[in-house]
Amino acid sequence: MGKADNPARPSGQSSADLLIVGGGIMGLWAAVHAERQGIDTILVDAGLLGQGASGGVLGALMPYMPDRWDNKKQFQLEALVSLETDIAELEGETGLSASYRRSGRLIPLPKPHLRKIALGHSRDADSHWRHGESQFHWNVVDEPVGGSGWIDPAAGESGFVHDTLAARVAPRGLIGVLSAFLRRARHVRIIEGVEITQIDPDRGIALTDDGSIRFGRCILSAGHRSFPLLDSLTDGLQKPLGQPVKGQAALLRADVDPGLPVLFRDGLYIVPHEGGLVAVGSTSENRFGDALSTDEQLDGLLSAARAMVPVLSGAEVVERWAGLRPKAIDRDPMIGTHPDHPSLIALTGGFKITFGLAHRLAEVALGEVSGTSLAAAKMPDGFTLASHIGVASRKT
């Protein structure tokens, strides 16, 4: 459903108990929670649902390292484990597939000292990577899982790590599942192709080029576009609350078993997907010209991937992708009620870990709306909007 034929477009003035600004992965999960709680909601996106950074190709769901355990790592562990069930429930309701698979991750160890470190992390994982009856591992192995046809054994002269917690999902598949659920929703109205130009949280009004939307509470989940809106509503900032970071990735066609583990080395991810597709990514560019173009930086990733994975040497590139991801000032996700504007709730940031946490972070945001705080009680303090405002307000 596009801009021209969306029946929910604001003509003059619309209203809802809850306004969600942004139809990326976080905003979609927030709308799903709102629908299940029966909250009268309008979901607005400047483009089409999932068209921004959430509509990429990589889909790697990677856990933090198992060492130096803290509540941030525990929160992510629980989110990564619960995501499988949450996706399966939505797939059952929509009849669609998000192509989720807990396929694990393989990390080559090119130096002996890296193997020693990995053995220590193996013991850490045995202690910390537990959830309910599930136990996940950080195994140190001599031969690569998947065999030499998946990764060149020379890449791991000192062995490999096989992490059994990591997973992957097709980003556009998950966006499709969430969107399909919401298009059948009773309590959520979707408005696409309409940009929110200004928010007055104290009066409960959001302005668009097509009119205004009145709301009781507003969840701001517009990716990197959230930061300027939050900056304009926050006094005393010494720095912006966040910035866009460009990422580039590619999709290749190759005859690869989709159950093979994700490969990771020095920031390079190689992710097998269904349908004979393999994703390669991604760059992290704080400075860039054209946000949506690809260049020699992606060429470098492709060269590295082909050198490490023999089957990709002649693989056709079927798509080159670029987009902007939201990086909050303190890097972690930015969630919670604005300290000066109680009707405004942030749900943004996340940068590289959003897909694995979005369902739980959205649950926290909805808890702020409904007054339930069970999910928020588990969220790390560093994830809160107030914490990020504190960092951005420090004088340097």
Protein backbone atom coordinates (compact mmCIF):
# COMPACT_ATOMS: atom_id res chain seq x y z
CA MET A 1 0.00 0.00 0.00
CA GLY A 2 1.64 3.25 -1.06
CA LYS A 3 1.10 6.94 -0.60
CA ALA A 4 -1.57 7.36 -3.26
CA ASP A 5 -3.97 4.67 -2.08
CA ASN A 6 -3.61 4.68 1.70
CA PRO A 7 -7.07 5.32 3.19
CA ALA A 8 -5.65 6.34 6.57
CA ARG A 9 -3.86 9.48 5.38
CA PRO A 10 -4.47 12.50 7.65
CA SER A 11 -6.79 14.90 5.87
CA GLY A 12 -6.99 17.93 8.13
CA GLN A 13 -6.70 16.27 11.54
CA SER A 14 -6.53 12.68 12.77
CA SER A 15 -6.25 11.46 16.35
CA ALA A 16 -5.27 8.38 18.32
CA ASP A 17 -4.37 7.43 21.84
CA LEU A 18 -0.91 6.46 20.59
CA LEU A 19 1.10 7.80 17.66
CA ILE A 20 4.08 5.75 16.48
CA VAL A 21 6.42 7.72 14.24
CA GLY A 22 8.49 5.41 12.06
CA GLY A 23 7.69 2.12 10.36
CA GLY A 24 11.08 0.45 10.67
CA ILE A 25 11.67 -2.72 12.66
CA MET A 26 11.27 -1.00 16.05
CA GLY A 27 8.13 0.91 15.11
CA LEU A 28 6.55 -2.21 13.62
CA TRP A 29 7.17 -4.25 16.76
CA ALA A 30 5.77 -1.38 18.85
CA ALA A 31 2.63 -1.38 16.73
CA VAL A 32 2.28 -5.16 17.12
CA HIS A 33 2.43 -4.79 20.92
CA ALA A 34 -0.08 -1.91 20.75
CA GLU A 35 -2.49 -4.01 18.69
CA ARG A 36 -2.26 -6.90 21.14
CA GLN A 37 -2.94 -4.52 24.03
CA GLY A 38 -5.93 -2.98 22.24
CA ILE A 39 -4.46 0.55 22.14
CA ASP A 40 -5.92 2.92 19.54
CA THR A 41 -2.82 3.62 17.43
CA ILE A 42 -1.69 5.44 14.31
CA LEU A 43 1.59 4.26 12.74
CA VAL A 44 3.14 6.86 10.41
CA ASP A 45 6.13 6.42 8.12
CA ALA A 46 7.71 8.91 5.73
CA GLY A 47 8.05 6.17 3.09
CA LEU A 48 6.79 2.62 2.94
CA LEU A 49 6.95 0.31 5.94
CA GLY A 50 10.47 -1.06 6.41
CA GLN A 51 11.85 0.91 3.48
CA GLY A 52 14.80 2.40 5.39
CA ALA A 53 17.72 0.65 7.08
CA SER A 54 15.41 -2.12 8.29
CA GLY A 55 14.89 -3.22 4.71
CA GLY A 56 18.48 -4.34 4.19
CA VAL A 57 19.80 -7.76 3.25
CA LEU A 58 22.16 -8.97 6.00
CA GLY A 59 19.96 -10.22 8.86
CA ALA A 60 22.73 -11.44 11.21
CA LEU A 61 21.55 -11.86 14.83
CA MET A 62 24.80 -11.94 16.76
CA PRO A 63 25.22 -12.13 20.55
CA TYR A 64 27.65 -10.12 22.62
CA MET A 65 30.82 -11.89 23.71
CA PRO A 66 30.19 -14.23 26.67
CA ASP A 67 32.91 -12.71 28.88
CA ARG A 68 32.56 -9.91 31.46
CA TRP A 69 28.89 -10.66 31.89
CA ASP A 70 26.52 -7.83 32.81
CA ASN A 71 22.85 -6.94 32.62
CA LYS A 72 23.20 -5.61 29.07
CA LYS A 73 24.44 -8.97 27.85
CA GLN A 74 21.78 -10.78 29.86
CA PHE A 75 19.05 -8.60 28.36
CA GLN A 76 20.30 -9.36 24.85
CA LEU A 77 20.57 -13.09 25.57
CA GLU A 78 16.95 -13.27 26.70
CA ALA A 79 15.84 -11.20 23.69
CA LEU A 80 17.71 -13.38 21.20
CA VAL A 81 16.21 -16.54 22.67
CA SER A 82 12.64 -15.18 22.83
CA LEU A 83 12.76 -13.80 19.28
CA GLU A 84 12.43 -17.27 17.79
CA THR A 85 9.11 -17.85 19.58
CA ASP A 86 7.79 -14.37 18.84
CA ILE A 87 8.53 -14.71 15.12
CA ALA A 88 6.99 -18.20 14.99
CA GLU A 89 3.79 -16.85 16.55
CA LEU A 90 3.50 -14.10 13.94
CA GLU A 91 4.28 -16.54 11.14
CA GLY A 92 1.43 -18.73 12.35
CA GLU A 93 -0.96 -15.77 12.39
CA THR A 94 -0.01 -14.45 8.94
CA GLY A 95 0.94 -17.59 7.04
CA LEU A 96 4.17 -15.90 5.94
CA SER A 97 7.82 -16.73 6.67
CA ALA A 98 10.56 -14.51 8.07
CA SER A 99 13.20 -17.16 7.20
CA TYR A 100 14.51 -17.25 10.74
CA ARG A 101 17.10 -19.91 11.60
CA ARG A 102 19.39 -20.42 14.60
CA SER A 103 22.22 -21.42 12.31
CA GLY A 104 25.10 -20.44 14.60
CA ARG A 105 28.25 -18.51 13.77
CA LEU A 106 31.73 -19.58 12.67
CA ILE A 107 34.74 -17.37 13.49
CA PRO A 108 38.18 -18.29 12.11
CA LEU A 109 41.16 -18.05 14.48
CA PRO A 110 44.24 -17.13 12.42
CA LYS A 111 46.69 -16.82 15.38
CA PRO A 112 47.54 -19.13 18.33
CA HIS A 113 46.86 -16.47 20.96
CA LEU A 114 43.32 -16.05 19.61
CA ARG A 115 42.66 -19.74 20.25
CA LYS A 116 43.72 -19.33 23.90
CA ILE A 117 41.35 -16.38 24.28
CA ALA A 118 38.56 -18.35 22.60
CA LEU A 119 39.00 -21.26 25.02
CA GLY A 120 38.45 -18.84 27.89
CA HIS A 121 35.32 -17.52 26.20
CA SER A 122 34.11 -21.10 25.84
CA ARG A 123 34.10 -21.45 29.61
CA ASP A 124 32.36 -18.07 29.90
CA ALA A 125 29.62 -19.21 27.53
CA ASP A 126 29.08 -22.41 29.52
CA SER A 127 28.46 -20.22 32.56
CA HIS A 128 26.39 -17.43 31.05
CA TRP A 129 24.74 -18.59 27.84
CA ARG A 130 21.88 -20.32 29.64
CA HIS A 131 18.19 -19.48 29.40
CA GLY A 132 15.54 -21.76 30.83
CA GLU A 133 16.36 -25.24 29.62
CA SER A 134 18.51 -23.94 26.76
CA GLN A 135 22.30 -23.99 26.89
CA PHE A 136 24.33 -22.38 24.11
CA HIS A 137 28.00 -22.86 23.44
CA TRP A 138 31.16 -21.15 22.20
CA ASN A 139 32.93 -24.23 20.92
CA VAL A 140 36.58 -24.15 19.80
CA VAL A 141 37.04 -26.64 16.97
CA ASP A 142 39.89 -27.66 14.67
CA GLU A 143 37.87 -28.07 11.49
CA PRO A 144 35.24 -25.63 10.18
CA VAL A 145 31.59 -26.56 10.59
CA GLY A 146 30.20 -26.93 7.10
CA GLY A 147 33.47 -28.20 5.68
CA SER A 148 36.07 -26.70 3.40
CA GLY A 149 33.46 -25.91 0.76
CA TRP A 150 31.99 -23.24 3.02
CA ILE A 151 35.16 -21.60 4.34
CA ASP A 152 38.78 -21.97 3.34
CA PRO A 153 40.41 -23.97 6.18
CA ALA A 154 43.50 -21.76 5.84
CA ALA A 155 41.46 -18.89 7.27
CA GLY A 156 41.59 -20.63 10.65
CA GLU A 157 45.19 -21.73 11.09
CA SER A 158 44.57 -22.01 14.83
CA GLY A 159 41.05 -23.37 14.55
CA PHE A 160 37.56 -21.92 14.60
CA VAL A 161 34.93 -20.79 17.06
CA HIS A 162 31.49 -22.33 16.54
CA ASP A 163 28.93 -20.22 18.41
CA THR A 164 25.55 -21.96 18.73
CA LEU A 165 23.56 -18.93 19.99
CA ALA A 166 23.82 -16.79 16.84
CA ALA A 167 20.97 -16.79 14.34
CA ARG A 168 19.83 -15.04 11.20
CA VAL A 169 16.61 -13.75 9.69
CA ALA A 170 15.64 -12.36 6.30
CA PRO A 171 15.15 -8.65 7.10
CA ARG A 172 12.55 -8.11 4.38
CA GLY A 173 10.86 -11.36 5.32
CA LEU A 174 10.42 -10.21 8.91
CA ILE A 175 9.26 -6.77 7.77
CA GLY A 176 6.72 -8.53 5.56
CA VAL A 177 5.42 -10.68 8.42
CA LEU A 178 5.07 -7.70 10.78
CA SER A 179 3.45 -5.54 8.10
CA ALA A 180 0.97 -8.26 7.15
CA PHE A 181 -0.07 -8.67 10.77
CA LEU A 182 -0.60 -4.91 11.13
CA ARG A 183 -2.54 -4.50 7.89
CA ARG A 184 -5.16 -6.81 9.39
CA ALA A 185 -5.08 -5.04 12.76
CA ARG A 186 -8.22 -3.74 14.47
CA HIS A 187 -6.57 -1.07 16.59
CA VAL A 188 -3.69 0.16 14.39
CA ARG A 189 -4.08 2.48 11.40
CA ILE A 190 -1.14 2.73 8.99
CA ILE A 191 -0.18 5.95 7.20
CA GLU A 192 2.63 5.66 4.65
CA GLY A 193 4.35 8.34 2.60
CA VAL A 194 3.74 11.06 5.19
CA GLU A 195 6.57 12.73 7.07
CA ILE A 196 6.18 14.16 10.56
CA THR A 197 7.74 17.62 10.37
CA GLN A 198 7.21 18.75 13.96
CA ILE A 199 6.07 17.27 17.26
CA ASP A 200 4.58 19.25 20.13
CA PRO A 201 4.42 16.61 22.87
CA ASP A 202 2.99 18.94 25.51
CA ARG A 203 -0.03 19.79 23.31
CA GLY A 204 -0.17 16.30 21.83
CA ILE A 205 0.09 17.41 18.20
CA ALA A 206 2.26 16.15 15.36
CA LEU A 207 2.40 18.20 12.16
CA THR A 208 2.67 16.76 8.65
CA ASP A 209 2.43 18.29 5.19
CA ASP A 210 -1.05 16.78 4.93
CA GLY A 211 -2.44 17.96 8.23
CA SER A 212 -2.00 17.26 11.92
CA ILE A 213 -2.35 14.23 14.16
CA ARG A 214 -3.46 14.52 17.76
CA PHE A 215 -2.21 11.94 20.24
CA GLY A 216 -2.18 11.04 23.89
CA ARG A 217 1.30 9.50 23.81
CA CYS A 218 3.90 9.41 21.03
CA ILE A 219 6.59 6.79 20.40
CA LEU A 220 9.35 8.30 18.28
CA SER A 221 10.87 5.44 16.31
CA ALA A 222 12.00 7.08 13.07
CA GLY A 223 15.55 5.71 13.01
CA HIS A 224 18.22 8.37 12.52
CA ARG A 225 15.47 10.92 11.77
CA SER A 226 14.48 10.65 15.44
CA PHE A 227 17.63 12.39 16.60
CA PRO A 228 16.97 15.92 15.21
CA LEU A 229 13.40 15.82 16.58
CA LEU A 230 14.66 14.77 20.01
CA ASP A 231 17.45 17.38 19.88
CA SER A 232 14.90 20.13 19.22
CA LEU A 233 12.90 19.10 22.29
CA THR A 234 15.83 18.72 24.70
CA ASP A 235 17.49 21.62 26.53
CA GLY A 236 21.14 21.74 27.52
CA LEU A 237 22.60 19.42 24.90
CA GLN A 238 26.26 19.91 24.08
CA LYS A 239 26.17 17.34 21.28
CA PRO A 240 23.45 15.78 19.12
CA LEU A 241 21.77 12.72 20.62
CA GLY A 242 22.76 10.59 17.65
CA GLN A 243 23.84 10.38 14.05
CA PRO A 244 23.24 8.32 10.91
CA VAL A 245 25.89 5.76 9.99
CA LYS A 246 25.99 4.47 6.45
CA GLY A 247 26.19 0.74 5.82
CA GLN A 248 26.73 -1.13 2.57
CA ALA A 249 25.97 -4.77 1.88
CA ALA A 250 25.34 -7.11 -1.04
CA LEU A 251 23.28 -10.15 -1.92
CA LEU A 252 24.87 -12.94 -3.98
CA ARG A 253 23.40 -15.97 -5.68
CA ALA A 254 25.21 -19.19 -4.77
CA ASP A 255 24.38 -22.86 -4.29
CA VAL A 256 24.81 -22.84 -0.52
CA ASP A 257 23.03 -24.82 2.21
CA PRO A 258 20.91 -22.22 4.09
CA GLY A 259 21.55 -24.10 7.34
CA LEU A 260 25.27 -23.30 7.32
CA PRO A 261 26.55 -21.01 10.08
CA VAL A 262 27.06 -17.29 9.58
CA LEU A 263 30.73 -16.46 9.00
CA PHE A 264 32.34 -13.56 10.84
CA ARG A 265 35.83 -12.10 10.69
CA ASP A 266 37.03 -8.55 11.45
CA GLY A 267 33.67 -6.90 10.84
CA LEU A 268 32.85 -8.98 7.75
CA TYR A 269 29.64 -11.03 7.87
CA ILE A 270 28.72 -13.72 5.33
CA VAL A 271 25.15 -14.90 5.88
CA PRO A 272 23.52 -17.86 4.06
CA HIS A 273 19.82 -17.40 3.35
CA GLU A 274 17.08 -19.48 1.77
CA GLY A 275 16.65 -19.53 -1.98
CA GLY A 276 20.32 -19.85 -2.87
CA LEU A 277 21.20 -16.38 -1.57
CA VAL A 278 24.15 -15.24 0.52
CA ALA A 279 24.41 -11.77 2.10
CA VAL A 280 27.75 -10.01 2.60
CA GLY A 281 28.24 -6.92 4.74
CA SER A 282 28.67 -4.44 6.07
CA THR A 283 30.51 -1.14 6.22
CA SER A 284 30.19 1.46 9.00
CA GLU A 285 30.72 4.94 7.56
CA ASN A 286 30.42 8.02 9.76
CA ARG A 287 31.26 10.25 6.78
CA PHE A 288 29.68 9.76 3.40
CA GLY A 289 28.31 11.57 0.38
CA ASP A 290 25.36 9.76 -1.17
CA ALA A 291 23.65 7.76 1.56
CA LEU A 292 22.08 5.29 -0.86
CA SER A 293 24.96 4.59 -3.25
CA THR A 294 27.50 1.77 -3.08
CA ASP A 295 31.18 2.12 -3.89
CA GLU A 296 34.62 0.58 -3.58
CA GLN A 297 34.15 -0.08 0.13
CA LEU A 298 31.54 -2.69 -0.72
CA ASP A 299 33.83 -4.01 -3.45
CA GLY A 300 36.44 -4.59 -0.74
CA LEU A 301 34.00 -6.61 1.37
CA LEU A 302 33.05 -8.73 -1.62
CA SER A 303 36.69 -9.43 -2.42
CA ALA A 304 37.37 -10.48 1.17
CA ALA A 305 34.27 -12.71 1.22
CA ARG A 306 35.24 -14.44 -2.02
CA ALA A 307 38.77 -15.04 -0.77
CA MET A 308 37.46 -16.67 2.41
CA VAL A 309 34.57 -18.66 0.89
CA PRO A 310 35.50 -20.62 -2.26
CA VAL A 311 31.91 -21.13 -3.42
CA LEU A 312 31.45 -17.35 -3.69
CA SER A 313 34.38 -16.84 -6.06
CA GLY A 314 32.18 -16.69 -9.14
CA ALA A 315 28.85 -15.90 -7.50
CA GLU A 316 26.60 -13.37 -9.19
CA VAL A 317 25.85 -10.18 -7.26
CA VAL A 318 22.08 -9.79 -7.47
CA GLU A 319 21.81 -6.66 -5.31
CA ARG A 320 24.05 -3.95 -3.90
CA TRP A 321 22.45 -2.14 -0.95
CA ALA A 322 23.20 0.97 1.11
CA GLY A 323 21.27 2.65 3.91
CA LEU A 324 21.56 4.74 7.07
CA ARG A 325 21.43 3.15 10.52
CA PRO A 326 20.73 5.11 13.73
CA LYS A 327 23.69 5.35 16.10
CA ALA A 328 22.87 7.00 19.43
CA ILE A 329 25.53 9.11 21.12
CA ASP A 330 26.35 6.36 23.60
CA ARG A 331 25.99 3.67 20.88
CA ASP A 332 23.42 1.61 22.79
CA PRO A 333 19.70 1.76 21.95
CA MET A 334 17.82 4.84 23.17
CA ILE A 335 14.53 3.97 24.85
CA GLY A 336 12.19 5.63 27.30
CA THR A 337 10.07 8.60 28.31
CA HIS A 338 11.53 12.06 27.75
CA PRO A 339 12.30 13.58 31.16
CA ASP A 340 10.80 16.96 30.18
CA HIS A 341 7.94 15.72 28.00
CA PRO A 342 6.10 12.77 29.62
CA SER A 343 3.96 12.08 26.55
CA LEU A 344 7.02 11.48 24.34
CA ILE A 345 8.78 8.10 24.34
CA ALA A 346 11.97 7.37 22.40
CA LEU A 347 12.44 4.03 20.63
CA THR A 348 15.48 4.38 18.42
CA GLY A 349 19.23 3.79 18.19
CA GLY A 350 20.35 0.21 18.24
CA PHE A 351 22.74 0.61 15.31
CA LYS A 352 23.94 -2.95 14.58
CA ILE A 353 21.96 -4.91 17.20
CA THR A 354 18.43 -3.65 16.50
CA PHE A 355 16.92 -6.72 14.83
CA GLY A 356 17.76 -8.98 17.75
CA LEU A 357 16.41 -6.57 20.40
CA ALA A 358 13.61 -4.62 18.70
CA HIS A 359 10.77 -6.85 19.94
CA ARG A 360 11.84 -6.47 23.57
CA LEU A 361 12.73 -2.76 23.34
CA ALA A 362 9.32 -2.11 21.80
CA GLU A 363 7.78 -3.98 24.71
CA VAL A 364 9.57 -1.60 27.08
CA ALA A 365 8.26 1.41 25.14
CA LEU A 366 4.69 0.07 25.27
CA GLY A 367 5.15 -0.46 28.99
CA GLU A 368 5.78 3.28 29.25
CA VAL A 369 2.47 3.86 27.48
CA SER A 370 0.37 1.42 29.49
CA GLY A 371 2.10 1.94 32.83
CA THR A 372 3.47 -1.59 33.11
CA SER A 373 7.18 -1.79 33.90
CA LEU A 374 8.08 -5.47 33.96
CA ALA A 375 10.12 -5.33 30.75
CA ALA A 376 11.60 -1.95 31.64
CA ALA A 377 12.87 -3.35 34.95
CA LYS A 378 15.20 -5.67 33.03
CA MET A 379 16.45 -3.08 30.53
CA PRO A 380 20.00 -1.79 31.14
CA ASP A 381 20.20 1.76 32.48
CA GLY A 382 22.51 2.69 29.61
CA PHE A 383 19.68 2.04 27.14
CA THR A 384 17.47 4.78 28.58
CA LEU A 385 16.84 8.09 26.85
CA ALA A 386 17.74 9.84 30.11
CA SER A 387 21.18 8.20 30.11
CA HIS A 388 21.86 9.32 26.54
CA ILE A 389 20.71 12.86 27.34
CA GLY A 390 23.16 12.86 30.24
CA VAL A 391 26.02 11.90 27.91
CA ALA A 392 25.03 14.49 25.31
CA SER A 393 24.73 17.23 27.95
CA ARG A 394 28.24 16.89 29.38
CA LYS A 395 30.45 19.84 28.72
CA THR A 396 33.71 18.98 26.98
